[in-house]
C-alpha atoms as a PDB file:
ATOM      1  CA  MET A   1     240.414 200.418  29.038  1.00  0.00           C
ATOM      2  CA  ASP A   2     239.650 204.091  29.455  1.00  0.00           C
ATOM      3  CA  HIS A   3     242.008 206.461  31.294  1.00  0.00           C
ATOM      4  CA  GLU A   4     239.842 206.838  34.412  1.00  0.00           C
ATOM      5  CA  THR A   5     239.539 203.077  34.881  1.00  0.00           C
ATOM      6  CA  ARG A   6     243.272 202.657  34.391  1.00  0.00           C
ATOM      7  CA  ILE A   7     244.020 205.301  37.037  1.00  0.00           C
ATOM      8  CA  LYS A   8     241.636 203.633  39.502  1.00  0.00           C
ATOM      9  CA  ARG A   9     243.301 200.260  38.958  1.00  0.00           C
ATOM     10  CA  LEU A  10     246.785 201.716  39.321  1.00  0.00           C
ATOM     11  CA  ARG A  11     245.770 203.526  42.518  1.00  0.00           C
ATOM     12  CA  PHE A  12     244.374 200.296  43.960  1.00  0.00           C
ATOM     13  CA  ARG A  13     247.467 198.306  42.992  1.00  0.00           C
ATOM     14  CA  SER A  14     249.711 201.035  44.400  1.00  0.00           C
ATOM     15  CA  TRP A  15     248.001 201.046  47.776  1.00  0.00           C
ATOM     16  CA  HIS A  16     247.538 197.262  48.139  1.00  0.00           C
ATOM     17  CA  ARG A  17     251.081 195.950  47.914  1.00  0.00           C
ATOM     18  CA  GLY A  18     251.158 193.604  50.880  1.00  0.00           C
ATOM     19  CA  THR A  19     253.042 195.617  53.493  1.00  0.00           C
ATOM     20  CA  LYS A  20     252.121 198.942  54.998  1.00  0.00           C
ATOM     21  CA  GLU A  21     255.571 200.358  54.204  1.00  0.00           C
ATOM     22  CA  ALA A  22     255.271 199.436  50.518  1.00  0.00           C
ATOM     23  CA  ASP A  23     251.708 200.758  50.420  1.00  0.00           C
ATOM     24  CA  LEU A  24     252.851 204.085  51.825  1.00  0.00           C
ATOM     25  CA  MET A  25     255.881 204.435  49.583  1.00  0.00           C
ATOM     26  CA  ILE A  26     254.425 203.231  46.286  1.00  0.00           C
ATOM     27  CA  GLY A  27     250.882 204.449  46.865  1.00  0.00           C
ATOM     28  CA  GLY A  28     252.124 207.765  48.190  1.00  0.00           C
ATOM     29  CA  PHE A  29     254.347 208.213  45.157  1.00  0.00           C
ATOM     30  CA  PHE A  30     251.446 207.433  42.850  1.00  0.00           C
ATOM     31  CA  ASP A  31     249.100 209.858  44.594  1.00  0.00           C
ATOM     32  CA  ALA A  32     251.678 212.639  44.615  1.00  0.00           C
ATOM     33  CA  HIS A  33     252.713 212.353  40.961  1.00  0.00           C
ATOM     34  CA  HIS A  34     250.294 210.472  38.696  1.00  0.00           C
ATOM     35  CA  ALA A  35     248.218 213.496  37.656  1.00  0.00           C
ATOM     36  CA  GLY A  36     251.102 214.868  35.608  1.00  0.00           C
ATOM     37  CA  TRP A  37     252.236 211.609  34.026  1.00  0.00           C
ATOM     38  CA  THR A  38     252.215 210.970  30.314  1.00  0.00           C
ATOM     39  CA  ALA A  39     250.897 207.723  28.819  1.00  0.00           C
ATOM     40  CA  ASP A  40     254.490 206.434  28.643  1.00  0.00           C
ATOM     41  CA  GLU A  41     255.038 207.236  32.320  1.00  0.00           C
ATOM     42  CA  LEU A  42     251.816 205.446  33.240  1.00  0.00           C
ATOM     43  CA  ASP A  43     253.055 202.459  31.224  1.00  0.00           C
ATOM     44  CA  TRP A  44     256.386 202.560  33.102  1.00  0.00           C
ATOM     45  CA  PHE A  45     254.675 202.657  36.475  1.00  0.00           C
ATOM     46  CA  GLU A  46     252.204 199.919  35.567  1.00  0.00           C
ATOM     47  CA  THR A  47     255.086 197.668  34.520  1.00  0.00           C
ATOM     48  CA  LEU A  48     257.084 198.567  37.645  1.00  0.00           C
ATOM     49  CA  LEU A  49     254.190 197.302  39.764  1.00  0.00           C
ATOM     50  CA  GLU A  50     254.925 193.805  38.426  1.00  0.00           C
ATOM     51  CA  GLU A  51     258.243 193.851  40.311  1.00  0.00           C
ATOM     52  CA  GLN A  52     258.631 192.691  43.891  1.00  0.00           C
ATOM     53  CA  ASP A  53     257.943 195.324  46.549  1.00  0.00           C
ATOM     54  CA  VAL A  54     261.240 194.692  48.315  1.00  0.00           C
ATOM     55  CA  ASP A  55     263.089 195.361  45.062  1.00  0.00           C
ATOM     56  CA  ILE A  56     261.148 198.538  44.235  1.00  0.00           C
ATOM     57  CA  MET A  57     261.721 199.881  47.726  1.00  0.00           C
ATOM     58  CA  ALA A  58     265.418 198.945  47.719  1.00  0.00           C
ATOM     59  CA  TRP A  59     265.944 200.674  44.363  1.00  0.00           C
ATOM     60  CA  ALA A  60     264.053 203.743  45.558  1.00  0.00           C
ATOM     61  CA  ILE A  61     265.972 204.110  48.822  1.00  0.00           C
ATOM     62  CA  GLY A  62     269.285 203.118  47.250  1.00  0.00           C
ATOM     63  CA  SER A  63     270.051 199.995  49.257  1.00  0.00           C
ATOM     64  CA  LEU A  64     270.303 198.001  46.004  1.00  0.00           C
ATOM     65  CA  PRO A  65     271.530 199.199  42.616  1.00  0.00           C
ATOM     66  CA  CYS A  66     268.641 199.993  40.324  1.00  0.00           C
ATOM     67  CA  PRO A  67     268.530 197.977  37.079  1.00  0.00           C
ATOM     68  CA  PRO A  68     268.973 200.168  33.978  1.00  0.00           C
ATOM     69  CA  GLN A  69     265.410 199.575  32.727  1.00  0.00           C
ATOM     70  CA  TRP A  70     264.046 201.214  35.903  1.00  0.00           C
ATOM     71  CA  ASP A  71     266.703 203.856  36.499  1.00  0.00           C
ATOM     72  CA  GLY A  72     265.461 207.094  35.008  1.00  0.00           C
ATOM     73  CA  PRO A  73     263.381 210.179  35.771  1.00  0.00           C
ATOM     74  CA  MET A  74     260.510 208.257  37.361  1.00  0.00           C
ATOM     75  CA  MET A  75     262.762 206.325  39.766  1.00  0.00           C
ATOM     76  CA  HIS A  76     264.642 209.539  40.506  1.00  0.00           C
ATOM     77  CA  ALA A  77     261.321 211.140  41.465  1.00  0.00           C
ATOM     78  CA  MET A  78     260.547 208.160  43.694  1.00  0.00           C
ATOM     79  CA  ARG A  79     263.961 208.580  45.328  1.00  0.00           C
ATOM     80  CA  GLN A  80     263.050 212.159  46.171  1.00  0.00           C
ATOM     81  CA  LEU A  81     260.838 210.738  48.902  1.00  0.00           C
ATOM     82  CA  GLY A  82     264.134 210.172  50.692  1.00  0.00           C
ATOM     83  CA  TYR A  83     262.653 207.730  53.190  1.00  0.00           C
ATOM     84  CA  VAL A  84     260.327 204.814  53.609  1.00  0.00           C
ATOM     85  CA  PRO A  85     257.416 206.000  55.760  1.00  0.00           C
ATOM     86  CA  ILE A  86     256.871 203.818  58.797  1.00  0.00           C
ATOM     87  CA  ALA A  87     253.296 202.954  59.726  1.00  0.00           C
ATOM     88  CA  LYS A  88     252.365 203.959  63.255  1.00  0.00           C
END
């Protein structure tokens, strides 16, 4: 698939997680950072989206230890959000 189609699919998957909190955290992270990602970073994120939302959010906010395969620069950038936005 071409790059533009891949980005559109990742954006959709990022913003349609199942809960508003996960949509905001994961979709917001994608929107804020994807433009500068390499192909490897896009691969990482695409694979991360296969994980459960509760796990991704727990790793990102630090309430659960992050497995080694996910703990790296991309997860550290996600942690920089520092909070889980609450839908109003």
